[in-house]
Amino acid sequence: MAPGSVAQLRLDEAQEAECQALRQQLQQEMELLNAYQSKIKMQTEAQHEREQHKHEQKVSLRRAHLEQKIEEELVSLQKERTDRIKHLLERQERETDSFDMESMRLGFCNLGALDFPKDEYR
């Protein structure tokens, strides 16, 4: 072998050793990168779960508040309806009493005793 070829062979061995060292370094850096990515992914998922839980709590509170307002409104409307019916019944009773008194005053109290054919006056 020529002296240049031995130097070339040694250079190739040195290059091979450097290549092996670079491969090992690259492998270590890839493992570190994968570990870092896994850590970031876990942190992101945990943050997402915390935010989702927080939003679910807000929605739950808002829903409970709205359900309470609806219930209060229903109670209020029912009370208003009951009061209105009571008022209308009282008014009807007053008007019926007034009508009966006016009918008796005008002498219509005995009309029920008259025998009118029912079909002719309808």
PDB file of N, CA and C in Angstrom:
ATOM      1  N   MET A   1       0.822  -1.179   0.000  1.00  0.00           N
ATOM      2  CA  MET A   1       0.000   0.000   0.000  1.00  0.00           C
ATOM      3  C   MET A   1       0.862   1.237   0.000  1.00  0.00           C
ATOM      4  N   ALA A   2       0.395   2.193  -0.683  1.00  0.00           N
ATOM      5  CA  ALA A   2       1.116   3.459  -0.747  1.00  0.00           C
ATOM      6  C   ALA A   2       0.853   4.237   0.523  1.00  0.00           C
ATOM      7  N   PRO A   3       1.801   5.089   0.919  1.00  0.00           N
ATOM      8  CA  PRO A   3       1.602   5.845   2.155  1.00  0.00           C
ATOM      9  C   PRO A   3       0.341   6.679   2.110  1.00  0.00           C
ATOM     10  N   GLY A   4      -0.048   7.153   0.993  1.00  0.00           N
ATOM     11  CA  GLY A   4      -1.278   7.944   0.887  1.00  0.00           C
ATOM     12  C   GLY A   4      -2.503   7.106   1.164  1.00  0.00           C
ATOM     13  N   SER A   5      -2.444   5.816   0.800  1.00  0.00           N
ATOM     14  CA  SER A   5      -3.603   4.979   1.030  1.00  0.00           C
ATOM     15  C   SER A   5      -3.800   4.669   2.493  1.00  0.00           C
ATOM     16  N   VAL A   6      -2.735   4.521   3.247  1.00  0.00           N
ATOM     17  CA  VAL A   6      -2.867   4.280   4.689  1.00  0.00           C
ATOM     18  C   VAL A   6      -3.479   5.511   5.339  1.00  0.00           C
ATOM     19  N   ALA A   7      -3.050   6.686   4.923  1.00  0.00           N
ATOM     20  CA  ALA A   7      -3.603   7.925   5.485  1.00  0.00           C
ATOM     21  C   ALA A   7      -5.084   8.025   5.127  1.00  0.00           C
ATOM     22  N   GLN A   8      -5.394   7.628   3.910  1.00  0.00           N
ATOM     23  CA  GLN A   8      -6.790   7.659   3.483  1.00  0.00           C
ATOM     24  C   GLN A   8      -7.600   6.686   4.309  1.00  0.00           C
ATOM     25  N   LEU A   9      -7.056   5.496   4.583  1.00  0.00           N
ATOM     26  CA  LEU A   9      -7.755   4.496   5.383  1.00  0.00           C
ATOM     27  C   LEU A   9      -7.954   5.000   6.788  1.00  0.00           C
ATOM     28  N   ARG A  10      -6.912   5.609   7.362  1.00  0.00           N
ATOM     29  CA  ARG A  10      -7.051   6.146   8.715  1.00  0.00           C
ATOM     30  C   ARG A  10      -8.066   7.280   8.739  1.00  0.00           C
ATOM     31  N   LEU A  11      -8.049   8.091   7.691  1.00  0.00           N
ATOM     32  CA  LEU A  11      -9.013   9.181   7.619  1.00  0.00           C
ATOM     33  C   LEU A  11     -10.417   8.611   7.561  1.00  0.00           C
ATOM     34  N   ASP A  12     -10.593   7.548   6.849  1.00  0.00           N
ATOM     35  CA  ASP A  12     -11.898   6.914   6.789  1.00  0.00           C
ATOM     36  C   ASP A  12     -12.291   6.359   8.151  1.00  0.00           C
ATOM     37  N   GLU A  13     -11.333   5.783   8.873  1.00  0.00           N
ATOM     38  CA  GLU A  13     -11.631   5.278  10.216  1.00  0.00           C
ATOM     39  C   GLU A  13     -11.998   6.427  11.144  1.00  0.00           C
ATOM     40  N   ALA A  14     -11.287   7.551  11.006  1.00  0.00           N
ATOM     41  CA  ALA A  14     -11.594   8.731  11.832  1.00  0.00           C
ATOM     42  C   ALA A  14     -12.977   9.272  11.472  1.00  0.00           C
ATOM     43  N   GLN A  15     -13.252   9.282  10.169  1.00  0.00           N
ATOM     44  CA  GLN A  15     -14.571   9.749   9.746  1.00  0.00           C
ATOM     45  C   GLN A  15     -15.666   8.818  10.268  1.00  0.00           C
ATOM     46  N   GLU A  16     -15.349   7.514  10.242  1.00  0.00           N
ATOM     47  CA  GLU A  16     -16.322   6.530  10.735  1.00  0.00           C
ATOM     48  C   GLU A  16     -16.564   6.727  12.221  1.00  0.00           C
ATOM     49  N   ALA A  17     -15.519   6.973  12.985  1.00  0.00           N
ATOM     50  CA  ALA A  17     -15.655   7.202  14.426  1.00  0.00           C
ATOM     51  C   ALA A  17     -16.456   8.478  14.673  1.00  0.00           C
ATOM     52  N   GLU A  18     -16.155   9.524  13.875  1.00  0.00           N
ATOM     53  CA  GLU A  18     -16.902  10.778  14.024  1.00  0.00           C
ATOM     54  C   GLU A  18     -18.372  10.567  13.663  1.00  0.00           C
ATOM     55  N   CYS A  19     -18.612   9.818  12.621  1.00  0.00           N
ATOM     56  CA  CYS A  19     -19.982   9.524  12.197  1.00  0.00           C
ATOM     57  C   CYS A  19     -20.723   8.768  13.295  1.00  0.00           C
ATOM     58  N   GLN A  20     -20.036   7.794  13.895  1.00  0.00           N
ATOM     59  CA  GLN A  20     -20.647   7.022  14.985  1.00  0.00           C
ATOM     60  C   GLN A  20     -20.953   7.934  16.173  1.00  0.00           C
ATOM     61  N   ALA A  21     -20.034   8.814  16.503  1.00  0.00           N
ATOM     62  CA  ALA A  21     -20.245   9.745  17.618  1.00  0.00           C
ATOM     63  C   ALA A  21     -21.419  10.677  17.312  1.00  0.00           C
ATOM     64  N   LEU A  22     -21.485  11.147  16.063  1.00  0.00           N
ATOM     65  CA  LEU A  22     -22.595  12.022  15.675  1.00  0.00           C
ATOM     66  C   LEU A  22     -23.933  11.280  15.709  1.00  0.00           C
ATOM     67  N   ARG A  23     -23.922  10.021  15.306  1.00  0.00           N
ATOM     68  CA  ARG A  23     -25.148   9.215  15.371  1.00  0.00           C
ATOM     69  C   ARG A  23     -25.613   9.054  16.815  1.00  0.00           C
ATOM     70  N   GLN A  24     -24.655   8.767  17.683  1.00  0.00           N
ATOM     71  CA  GLN A  24     -24.983   8.602  19.098  1.00  0.00           C
ATOM     72  C   GLN A  24     -25.519   9.919  19.668  1.00  0.00           C
ATOM     73  N   GLN A  25     -24.873  11.018  19.320  1.00  0.00           N
ATOM     74  CA  GLN A  25     -25.328  12.329  19.792  1.00  0.00           C
ATOM     75  C   GLN A  25     -26.741  12.623  19.251  1.00  0.00           C
ATOM     76  N   LEU A  26     -26.953  12.305  17.973  1.00  0.00           N
ATOM     77  CA  LEU A  26     -28.268  12.515  17.367  1.00  0.00           C
ATOM     78  C   LEU A  26     -29.324  11.663  18.065  1.00  0.00           C
ATOM     79  N   GLN A  27     -28.989  10.411  18.379  1.00  0.00           N
ATOM     80  CA  GLN A  27     -29.918   9.522  19.073  1.00  0.00           C
ATOM     81  C   GLN A  27     -30.283  10.101  20.441  1.00  0.00           C
ATOM     82  N   GLN A  28     -29.282  10.589  21.171  1.00  0.00           N
ATOM     83  CA  GLN A  28     -29.542  11.181  22.489  1.00  0.00           C
ATOM     84  C   GLN A  28     -30.422  12.427  22.359  1.00  0.00           C
ATOM     85  N   GLU A  29     -30.128  13.257  21.370  1.00  0.00           N
ATOM     86  CA  GLU A  29     -30.922  14.466  21.168  1.00  0.00           C
ATOM     87  C   GLU A  29     -32.360  14.123  20.767  1.00  0.00           C
ATOM     88  N   MET A  30     -32.532  13.068  19.974  1.00  0.00           N
ATOM     89  CA  MET A  30     -33.876  12.623  19.590  1.00  0.00           C
ATOM     90  C   MET A  30     -34.646  12.130  20.818  1.00  0.00           C
ATOM     91  N   GLU A  31     -33.962  11.382  21.689  1.00  0.00           N
ATOM     92  CA  GLU A  31     -34.609  10.904  22.911  1.00  0.00           C
ATOM     93  C   GLU A  31     -35.019  12.075  23.802  1.00  0.00           C
ATOM     94  N   LEU A  32     -34.121  13.070  23.920  1.00  0.00           N
ATOM     95  CA  LEU A  32     -34.452  14.271  24.701  1.00  0.00           C
ATOM     96  C   LEU A  32     -35.634  15.021  24.079  1.00  0.00           C
ATOM     97  N   LEU A  33     -35.617  15.142  22.756  1.00  0.00           N
ATOM     98  CA  LEU A  33     -36.705  15.828  22.061  1.00  0.00           C
ATOM     99  C   LEU A  33     -38.028  15.090  22.265  1.00  0.00           C
ATOM    100  N   ASN A  34     -38.012  13.772  22.131  1.00  0.00           N
ATOM    101  CA  ASN A  34     -39.231  12.978  22.342  1.00  0.00           C
ATOM    102  C   ASN A  34     -39.738  13.117  23.773  1.00  0.00           C
ATOM    103  N   ALA A  35     -38.817  13.094  24.735  1.00  0.00           N
ATOM    104  CA  ALA A  35     -39.205  13.260  26.139  1.00  0.00           C
ATOM    105  C   ALA A  35     -39.809  14.647  26.351  1.00  0.00           C
ATOM    106  N   TYR A  36     -39.194  15.659  25.761  1.00  0.00           N
ATOM    107  CA  TYR A  36     -39.705  17.033  25.889  1.00  0.00           C
ATOM    108  C   TYR A  36     -41.094  17.148  25.252  1.00  0.00           C
ATOM    109  N   GLN A  37     -41.251  16.561  24.069  1.00  0.00           N
ATOM    110  CA  GLN A  37     -42.549  16.604  23.396  1.00  0.00           C
ATOM    111  C   GLN A  37     -43.618  15.883  24.221  1.00  0.00           C
ATOM    112  N   SER A  38     -43.258  14.752  24.813  1.00  0.00           N
ATOM    113  CA  SER A  38     -44.209  14.026  25.662  1.00  0.00           C
ATOM    114  C   SER A  38     -44.605  14.866  26.869  1.00  0.00           C
ATOM    115  N   LYS A  39     -43.613  15.518  27.464  1.00  0.00           N
ATOM    116  CA  LYS A  39     -43.877  16.376  28.627  1.00  0.00           C
ATOM    117  C   LYS A  39     -44.815  17.518  28.234  1.00  0.00           C
ATOM    118  N   ILE A  40     -44.537  18.174  27.118  1.00  0.00           N
ATOM    119  CA  ILE A  40     -45.368  19.286  26.646  1.00  0.00           C
ATOM    120  C   ILE A  40     -46.782  18.787  26.339  1.00  0.00           C
ATOM    121  N   LYS A  41     -46.875  17.614  25.716  1.00  0.00           N
ATOM    122  CA  LYS A  41     -48.186  17.051  25.386  1.00  0.00           C
ATOM    123  C   LYS A  41     -48.986  16.786  26.658  1.00  0.00           C
ATOM    124  N   MET A  42     -48.351  16.204  27.664  1.00  0.00           N
ATOM    125  CA  MET A  42     -49.043  15.924  28.929  1.00  0.00           C
ATOM    126  C   MET A  42     -49.477  17.224  29.600  1.00  0.00           C
ATOM    127  N   GLN A  43     -48.604  18.230  29.590  1.00  0.00           N
ATOM    128  CA  GLN A  43     -48.957  19.516  30.196  1.00  0.00           C
ATOM    129  C   GLN A  43     -50.114  20.174  29.447  1.00  0.00           C
ATOM    130  N   THR A  44     -50.085  20.086  28.130  1.00  0.00           N
ATOM    131  CA  THR A  44     -51.154  20.669  27.316  1.00  0.00           C
ATOM    132  C   THR A  44     -52.478  19.957  27.579  1.00  0.00           C
ATOM    133  N   GLU A  45     -52.435  18.630  27.642  1.00  0.00           N
ATOM    134  CA  GLU A  45     -53.654  17.869  27.928  1.00  0.00           C
ATOM    135  C   GLU A  45     -54.191  18.193  29.317  1.00  0.00           C
ATOM    136  N   ALA A  46     -53.299  18.318  30.292  1.00  0.00           N
ATOM    137  CA  ALA A  46     -53.720  18.665  31.654  1.00  0.00           C
ATOM    138  C   ALA A  46     -54.347  20.058  31.672  1.00  0.00           C
ATOM    139  N   GLN A  47     -53.733  21.001  30.964  1.00  0.00           N
ATOM    140  CA  GLN A  47     -54.286  22.363  30.885  1.00  0.00           C
ATOM    141  C   GLN A  47     -55.658  22.335  30.216  1.00  0.00           C
ATOM    142  N   HIS A  48     -55.773  21.558  29.154  1.00  0.00           N
ATOM    143  CA  HIS A  48     -57.052  21.434  28.450  1.00  0.00           C
ATOM    144  C   HIS A  48     -58.123  20.869  29.381  1.00  0.00           C
ATOM    145  N   GLU A  49     -57.776  19.838  30.133  1.00  0.00           N
ATOM    146  CA  GLU A  49     -58.734  19.243  31.070  1.00  0.00           C
ATOM    147  C   GLU A  49     -59.144  20.243  32.147  1.00  0.00           C
ATOM    148  N   ARG A  50     -58.174  21.024  32.661  1.00  0.00           N
ATOM    149  CA  ARG A  50     -58.504  22.044  33.670  1.00  0.00           C
ATOM    150  C   ARG A  50     -59.457  23.091  33.093  1.00  0.00           C
ATOM    151  N   GLU A  51     -59.155  23.547  31.884  1.00  0.00           N
ATOM    152  CA  GLU A  51     -60.010  24.551  31.250  1.00  0.00           C
ATOM    153  C   GLU A  51     -61.394  23.988  30.961  1.00  0.00           C
ATOM    154  N   GLN A  52     -61.441  22.744  30.500  1.00  0.00           N
ATOM    155  CA  GLN A  52     -62.731  22.115  30.214  1.00  0.00           C
ATOM    156  C   GLN A  52     -63.551  21.987  31.497  1.00  0.00           C
ATOM    157  N   HIS A  53     -62.909  21.569  32.572  1.00  0.00           N
ATOM    158  CA  HIS A  53     -63.593  21.449  33.864  1.00  0.00           C
ATOM    159  C   HIS A  53     -64.099  22.818  34.325  1.00  0.00           C
ATOM    160  N   LYS A  54     -63.263  23.829  34.158  1.00  0.00           N
ATOM    161  CA  LYS A  54     -63.646  25.200  34.542  1.00  0.00           C
ATOM    162  C   LYS A  54     -64.865  25.654  33.741  1.00  0.00           C
ATOM    163  N   HIS A  55     -64.858  25.399  32.440  1.00  0.00           N
ATOM    164  CA  HIS A  55     -65.986  25.795  31.594  1.00  0.00           C
ATOM    165  C   HIS A  55     -67.243  24.995  31.943  1.00  0.00           C
ATOM    166  N   GLU A  56     -67.083  23.717  32.241  1.00  0.00           N
ATOM    167  CA  GLU A  56     -68.233  22.902  32.636  1.00  0.00           C
ATOM    168  C   GLU A  56     -68.847  23.430  33.929  1.00  0.00           C
ATOM    169  N   GLN A  57     -67.992  23.864  34.861  1.00  0.00           N
ATOM    170  CA  GLN A  57     -68.503  24.441  36.103  1.00  0.00           C
ATOM    171  C   GLN A  57     -69.266  25.730  35.821  1.00  0.00           C
ATOM    172  N   LYS A  58     -68.707  26.582  34.952  1.00  0.00           N
ATOM    173  CA  LYS A  58     -69.391  27.832  34.600  1.00  0.00           C
ATOM    174  C   LYS A  58     -70.749  27.542  33.965  1.00  0.00           C
ATOM    175  N   VAL A  59     -70.764  26.585  33.044  1.00  0.00           N
ATOM    176  CA  VAL A  59     -72.014  26.230  32.369  1.00  0.00           C
ATOM    177  C   VAL A  59     -73.013  25.682  33.382  1.00  0.00           C
ATOM    178  N   SER A  60     -72.545  24.844  34.286  1.00  0.00           N
ATOM    179  CA  SER A  60     -73.417  24.270  35.307  1.00  0.00           C
ATOM    180  C   SER A  60     -74.012  25.357  36.196  1.00  0.00           C
ATOM    181  N   LEU A  61     -73.179  26.300  36.626  1.00  0.00           N
ATOM    182  CA  LEU A  61     -73.673  27.400  37.458  1.00  0.00           C
ATOM    183  C   LEU A  61     -74.663  28.265  36.686  1.00  0.00           C
ATOM    184  N   ARG A  62     -74.333  28.559  35.449  1.00  0.00           N
ATOM    185  CA  ARG A  62     -75.225  29.390  34.628  1.00  0.00           C
ATOM    186  C   ARG A  62     -76.558  28.682  34.406  1.00  0.00           C
ATOM    187  N   ARG A  63     -76.491  27.389  34.148  1.00  0.00           N
ATOM    188  CA  ARG A  63     -77.717  26.617  33.932  1.00  0.00           C
ATOM    189  C   ARG A  63     -78.571  26.604  35.195  1.00  0.00           C
ATOM    190  N   ALA A  64     -77.938  26.382  36.343  1.00  0.00           N
ATOM    191  CA  ALA A  64     -78.673  26.378  37.611  1.00  0.00           C
ATOM    192  C   ALA A  64     -79.316  27.743  37.852  1.00  0.00           C
ATOM    193  N   HIS A  65     -78.576  28.807  37.543  1.00  0.00           N
ATOM    194  CA  HIS A  65     -79.114  30.161  37.713  1.00  0.00           C
ATOM    195  C   HIS A  65     -80.325  30.375  36.796  1.00  0.00           C
ATOM    196  N   LEU A  66     -80.204  29.953  35.549  1.00  0.00           N
ATOM    197  CA  LEU A  66     -81.311  30.108  34.608  1.00  0.00           C
ATOM    198  C   LEU A  66     -82.516  29.267  35.014  1.00  0.00           C
ATOM    199  N   GLU A  67     -82.267  28.049  35.474  1.00  0.00           N
ATOM    200  CA  GLU A  67     -83.368  27.202  35.933  1.00  0.00           C
ATOM    201  C   GLU A  67     -84.073  27.837  37.123  1.00  0.00           C
ATOM    202  N   GLN A  68     -83.297  28.448  38.020  1.00  0.00           N
ATOM    203  CA  GLN A  68     -83.888  29.127  39.172  1.00  0.00           C
ATOM    204  C   GLN A  68     -84.734  30.317  38.707  1.00  0.00           C
ATOM    205  N   LYS A  69     -84.202  31.096  37.754  1.00  0.00           N
ATOM    206  CA  LYS A  69     -84.962  32.238  37.240  1.00  0.00           C
ATOM    207  C   LYS A  69     -86.246  31.775  36.559  1.00  0.00           C
ATOM    208  N   ILE A  70     -86.171  30.696  35.808  1.00  0.00           N
ATOM    209  CA  ILE A  70     -87.360  30.157  35.142  1.00  0.00           C
ATOM    210  C   ILE A  70     -88.386  29.727  36.183  1.00  0.00           C
ATOM    211  N   GLU A  71     -87.930  29.034  37.212  1.00  0.00           N
ATOM    212  CA  GLU A  71     -88.832  28.585  38.275  1.00  0.00           C
ATOM    213  C   GLU A  71     -89.483  29.782  38.963  1.00  0.00           C
ATOM    214  N   GLU A  72     -88.693  30.807  39.270  1.00  0.00           N
ATOM    215  CA  GLU A  72     -89.244  32.009  39.900  1.00  0.00           C
ATOM    216  C   GLU A  72     -90.261  32.681  38.982  1.00  0.00           C
ATOM    217  N   GLU A  73     -89.963  32.730  37.706  1.00  0.00           N
ATOM    218  CA  GLU A  73     -90.882  33.343  36.745  1.00  0.00           C
ATOM    219  C   GLU A  73     -92.173  32.536  36.646  1.00  0.00           C
ATOM    220  N   LEU A  74     -92.055  31.203  36.649  1.00  0.00           N
ATOM    221  CA  LEU A  74     -93.252  30.361  36.606  1.00  0.00           C
ATOM    222  C   LEU A  74     -94.116  30.579  37.840  1.00  0.00           C
ATOM    223  N   VAL A  75     -93.489  30.667  39.006  1.00  0.00           N
ATOM    224  CA  VAL A  75     -94.231  30.915  40.245  1.00  0.00           C
ATOM    225  C   VAL A  75     -94.923  32.275  40.166  1.00  0.00           C
ATOM    226  N   SER A  76     -94.196  33.268  39.679  1.00  0.00           N
ATOM    227  CA  SER A  76     -94.761  34.613  39.548  1.00  0.00           C
ATOM    228  C   SER A  76     -95.943  34.619  38.579  1.00  0.00           C
ATOM    229  N   LEU A  77     -95.788  33.958  37.443  1.00  0.00           N
ATOM    230  CA  LEU A  77     -96.869  33.897  36.462  1.00  0.00           C
ATOM    231  C   LEU A  77     -98.076  33.142  37.010  1.00  0.00           C
ATOM    232  N   GLN A  78     -97.820  32.068  37.747  1.00  0.00           N
ATOM    233  CA  GLN A  78     -98.919  31.304  38.345  1.00  0.00           C
ATOM    234  C   GLN A  78     -99.664  32.164  39.360  1.00  0.00           C
ATOM    235  N   LYS A  79     -98.922  32.926  40.168  1.00  0.00           N
ATOM    236  CA  LYS A  79     -99.556  33.814  41.154  1.00  0.00           C
ATOM    237  C   LYS A  79    -100.373  34.881  40.438  1.00  0.00           C
ATOM    238  N   GLU A  80     -99.796  35.458  39.390  1.00  0.00           N
ATOM    239  CA  GLU A  80    -100.507  36.475  38.614  1.00  0.00           C
ATOM    240  C   GLU A  80    -101.791  35.896  38.020  1.00  0.00           C
ATOM    241  N   ARG A  81    -101.699  34.688  37.492  1.00  0.00           N
ATOM    242  CA  ARG A  81    -102.864  34.014  36.905  1.00  0.00           C
ATOM    243  C   ARG A  81    -103.929  33.770  37.968  1.00  0.00           C
ATOM    244  N   THR A  82    -103.495  33.262  39.118  1.00  0.00           N
ATOM    245  CA  THR A  82    -104.428  32.990  40.216  1.00  0.00           C
ATOM    246  C   THR A  82    -105.106  34.280  40.677  1.00  0.00           C
ATOM    247  N   ASP A  83    -104.322  35.338  40.834  1.00  0.00           N
ATOM    248  CA  ASP A  83    -104.891  36.630  41.246  1.00  0.00           C
ATOM    249  C   ASP A  83    -105.891  37.142  40.210  1.00  0.00           C
ATOM    250  N   ARG A  84    -105.548  37.002  38.943  1.00  0.00           N
ATOM    251  CA  ARG A  84    -106.451  37.472  37.882  1.00  0.00           C
ATOM    252  C   ARG A  84    -107.742  36.667  37.881  1.00  0.00           C
ATOM    253  N   ILE A  85    -107.648  35.358  38.022  1.00  0.00           N
ATOM    254  CA  ILE A  85    -108.854  34.516  38.067  1.00  0.00           C
ATOM    255  C   ILE A  85    -109.708  34.904  39.265  1.00  0.00           C
ATOM    256  N   LYS A  86    -109.063  35.094  40.411  1.00  0.00           N
ATOM    257  CA  LYS A  86    -109.796  35.496  41.620  1.00  0.00           C
ATOM    258  C   LYS A  86    -110.511  36.826  41.382  1.00  0.00           C
ATOM    259  N   HIS A  87    -109.796  37.782  40.799  1.00  0.00           N
ATOM    260  CA  HIS A  87    -110.382  39.095  40.514  1.00  0.00           C
ATOM    261  C   HIS A  87    -111.575  38.956  39.560  1.00  0.00           C
ATOM    262  N   LEU A  88    -111.417  38.145  38.506  1.00  0.00           N
ATOM    263  CA  LEU A  88    -112.507  37.959  37.542  1.00  0.00           C
ATOM    264  C   LEU A  88    -113.704  37.265  38.179  1.00  0.00           C
ATOM    265  N   LEU A  89    -113.462  36.285  39.039  1.00  0.00           N
ATOM    266  CA  LEU A  89    -114.570  35.605  39.728  1.00  0.00           C
ATOM    267  C   LEU A  89    -115.302  36.568  40.658  1.00  0.00           C
ATOM    268  N   GLU A  90    -114.545  37.404  41.363  1.00  0.00           N
ATOM    269  CA  GLU A  90    -115.175  38.405  42.233  1.00  0.00           C
ATOM    270  C   GLU A  90    -115.997  39.385  41.407  1.00  0.00           C
ATOM    271  N   ARG A  91    -115.447  39.807  40.285  1.00  0.00           N
ATOM    272  CA  ARG A  91    -116.168  40.733  39.405  1.00  0.00           C
ATOM    273  C   ARG A  91    -117.433  40.078  38.862  1.00  0.00           C
ATOM    274  N   GLN A  92    -117.311  38.807  38.453  1.00  0.00           N
ATOM    275  CA  GLN A  92    -118.470  38.082  37.940  1.00  0.00           C
ATOM    276  C   GLN A  92    -119.550  37.978  39.017  1.00  0.00           C
ATOM    277  N   GLU A  93    -119.129  37.688  40.241  1.00  0.00           N
ATOM    278  CA  GLU A  93    -120.097  37.575  41.336  1.00  0.00           C
ATOM    279  C   GLU A  93    -120.792  38.919  41.581  1.00  0.00           C
ATOM    280  N   ARG A  94    -120.024  40.017  41.589  1.00  0.00           N
ATOM    281  CA  ARG A  94    -120.618  41.347  41.779  1.00  0.00           C
ATOM    282  C   ARG A  94    -121.596  41.673  40.652  1.00  0.00           C
ATOM    283  N   GLU A  95    -121.176  41.384  39.419  1.00  0.00           N
ATOM    284  CA  GLU A  95    -122.047  41.687  38.279  1.00  0.00           C
ATOM    285  C   GLU A  95    -123.296  40.811  38.289  1.00  0.00           C
ATOM    286  N   THR A  96    -123.155  39.545  38.677  1.00  0.00           N
ATOM    287  CA  THR A  96    -124.315  38.655  38.769  1.00  0.00           C
ATOM    288  C   THR A  96    -125.270  39.148  39.849  1.00  0.00           C
ATOM    289  N   ASP A  97    -124.724  39.504  41.012  1.00  0.00           N
ATOM    290  CA  ASP A  97    -125.563  40.039  42.091  1.00  0.00           C
ATOM    291  C   ASP A  97    -126.260  41.317  41.639  1.00  0.00           C
ATOM    292  N   SER A  98    -125.530  42.196  40.982  1.00  0.00           N
ATOM    293  CA  SER A  98    -126.103  43.451  40.495  1.00  0.00           C
ATOM    294  C   SER A  98    -127.201  43.179  39.473  1.00  0.00           C
ATOM    295  N   PHE A  99    -126.936  42.232  38.567  1.00  0.00           N
ATOM    296  CA  PHE A  99    -127.930  41.874  37.554  1.00  0.00           C
ATOM    297  C   PHE A  99    -129.178  41.298  38.211  1.00  0.00           C
ATOM    298  N   ASP A 100    -128.977  40.391  39.169  1.00  0.00           N
ATOM    299  CA  ASP A 100    -130.122  39.799  39.878  1.00  0.00           C
ATOM    300  C   ASP A 100    -130.935  40.869  40.595  1.00  0.00           C
ATOM    301  N   MET A 101    -130.267  41.793  41.271  1.00  0.00           N
ATOM    302  CA  MET A 101    -130.972  42.856  41.998  1.00  0.00           C
ATOM    303  C   MET A 101    -131.729  43.757  41.021  1.00  0.00           C
ATOM    304  N   GLU A 102    -131.101  44.118  39.912  1.00  0.00           N
ATOM    305  CA  GLU A 102    -131.755  44.969  38.918  1.00  0.00           C
ATOM    306  C   GLU A 102    -132.925  44.232  38.278  1.00  0.00           C
ATOM    307  N   SER A 103    -132.759  42.923  38.011  1.00  0.00           N
ATOM    308  CA  SER A 103    -133.845  42.120  37.433  1.00  0.00           C
ATOM    309  C   SER A 103    -135.035  42.073  38.376  1.00  0.00           C
ATOM    310  N   MET A 104    -134.762  41.863  39.675  1.00  0.00           N
ATOM    311  CA  MET A 104    -135.856  41.826  40.649  1.00  0.00           C
ATOM    312  C   MET A 104    -136.510  43.200  40.748  1.00  0.00           C
ATOM    313  N   ARG A 105    -135.718  44.256  40.711  1.00  0.00           N
ATOM    314  CA  ARG A 105    -136.272  45.608  40.795  1.00  0.00           C
ATOM    315  C   ARG A 105    -137.188  45.902  39.606  1.00  0.00           C
ATOM    316  N   LEU A 106    -136.828  45.344  38.453  1.00  0.00           N
ATOM    317  CA  LEU A 106    -137.638  45.578  37.262  1.00  0.00           C
ATOM    318  C   LEU A 106    -138.767  44.564  37.109  1.00  0.00           C
ATOM    319  N   GLY A 107    -138.865  43.614  38.028  1.00  0.00           N
ATOM    320  CA  GLY A 107    -139.967  42.658  38.002  1.00  0.00           C
ATOM    321  C   GLY A 107    -139.730  41.438  37.145  1.00  0.00           C
ATOM    322  N   PHE A 108    -138.473  41.139  36.835  1.00  0.00           N
ATOM    323  CA  PHE A 108    -138.182  39.950  36.020  1.00  0.00           C
ATOM    324  C   PHE A 108    -137.965  38.702  36.860  1.00  0.00           C
ATOM    325  N   CYS A 109    -138.239  38.758  38.133  1.00  0.00           N
ATOM    326  CA  CYS A 109    -137.946  37.613  38.997  1.00  0.00           C
ATOM    327  C   CYS A 109    -138.852  36.430  38.716  1.00  0.00           C
ATOM    328  N   ASN A 110    -140.017  36.620  38.110  1.00  0.00           N
ATOM    329  CA  ASN A 110    -140.942  35.517  37.863  1.00  0.00           C
ATOM    330  C   ASN A 110    -140.840  34.964  36.449  1.00  0.00           C
ATOM    331  N   LEU A 111    -139.902  35.438  35.649  1.00  0.00           N
ATOM    332  CA  LEU A 111    -139.779  34.956  34.275  1.00  0.00           C
ATOM    333  C   LEU A 111    -139.435  33.473  34.209  1.00  0.00           C
ATOM    334  N   GLY A 112    -138.731  32.993  35.174  1.00  0.00           N
ATOM    335  CA  GLY A 112    -138.366  31.579  35.185  1.00  0.00           C
ATOM    336  C   GLY A 112    -139.584  30.692  35.327  1.00  0.00           C
ATOM    337  N   ALA A 113    -140.655  31.217  35.879  1.00  0.00           N
ATOM    338  CA  ALA A 113    -141.866  30.427  36.067  1.00  0.00           C
ATOM    339  C   ALA A 113    -142.676  30.338  34.789  1.00  0.00           C
ATOM    340  N   LEU A 114    -142.457  31.244  33.843  1.00  0.00           N
ATOM    341  CA  LEU A 114    -143.191  31.198  32.581  1.00  0.00           C
ATOM    342  C   LEU A 114    -142.719  30.005  31.772  1.00  0.00           C
ATOM    343  N   ASP A 115    -143.634  29.417  31.021  1.00  0.00           N
ATOM    344  CA  ASP A 115    -143.315  28.217  30.255  1.00  0.00           C
ATOM    345  C   ASP A 115    -143.108  28.602  28.796  1.00  0.00           C
ATOM    346  N   PHE A 116    -141.851  29.017  28.445  1.00  0.00           N
ATOM    347  CA  PHE A 116    -141.536  29.371  27.063  1.00  0.00           C
ATOM    348  C   PHE A 116    -141.103  28.116  26.322  1.00  0.00           C
ATOM    349  N   PRO A 117    -141.551  27.942  25.064  1.00  0.00           N
ATOM    350  CA  PRO A 117    -141.007  26.839  24.262  1.00  0.00           C
ATOM    351  C   PRO A 117    -139.519  27.119  24.013  1.00  0.00           C
ATOM    352  N   LYS A 118    -138.675  26.183  24.347  1.00  0.00           N
ATOM    353  CA  LYS A 118    -137.229  26.407  24.336  1.00  0.00           C
ATOM    354  C   LYS A 118    -136.664  26.564  22.929  1.00  0.00           C
ATOM    355  N   ASP A 119    -137.146  25.830  21.972  1.00  0.00           N
ATOM    356  CA  ASP A 119    -136.564  25.858  20.638  1.00  0.00           C
ATOM    357  C   ASP A 119    -136.911  27.117  19.856  1.00  0.00           C
ATOM    358  N   GLU A 120    -138.014  27.767  20.146  1.00  0.00           N
ATOM    359  CA  GLU A 120    -138.451  28.915  19.363  1.00  0.00           C
ATOM    360  C   GLU A 120    -137.625  30.164  19.647  1.00  0.00           C
ATOM    361  N   TYR A 121    -137.049  30.307  20.805  1.00  0.00           N
ATOM    362  CA  TYR A 121    -136.360  31.542  21.170  1.00  0.00           C
ATOM    363  C   TYR A 121    -134.844  31.419  21.184  1.00  0.00           C
ATOM    364  N   ARG A 122    -134.342  30.438  20.570  1.00  0.00           N
ATOM    365  CA  ARG A 122    -132.884  30.275  20.547  1.00  0.00           C
ATOM    366  C   ARG A 122    -132.286  30.785  19.293  1.00  0.00           C
TER     367      ARG A 122
END
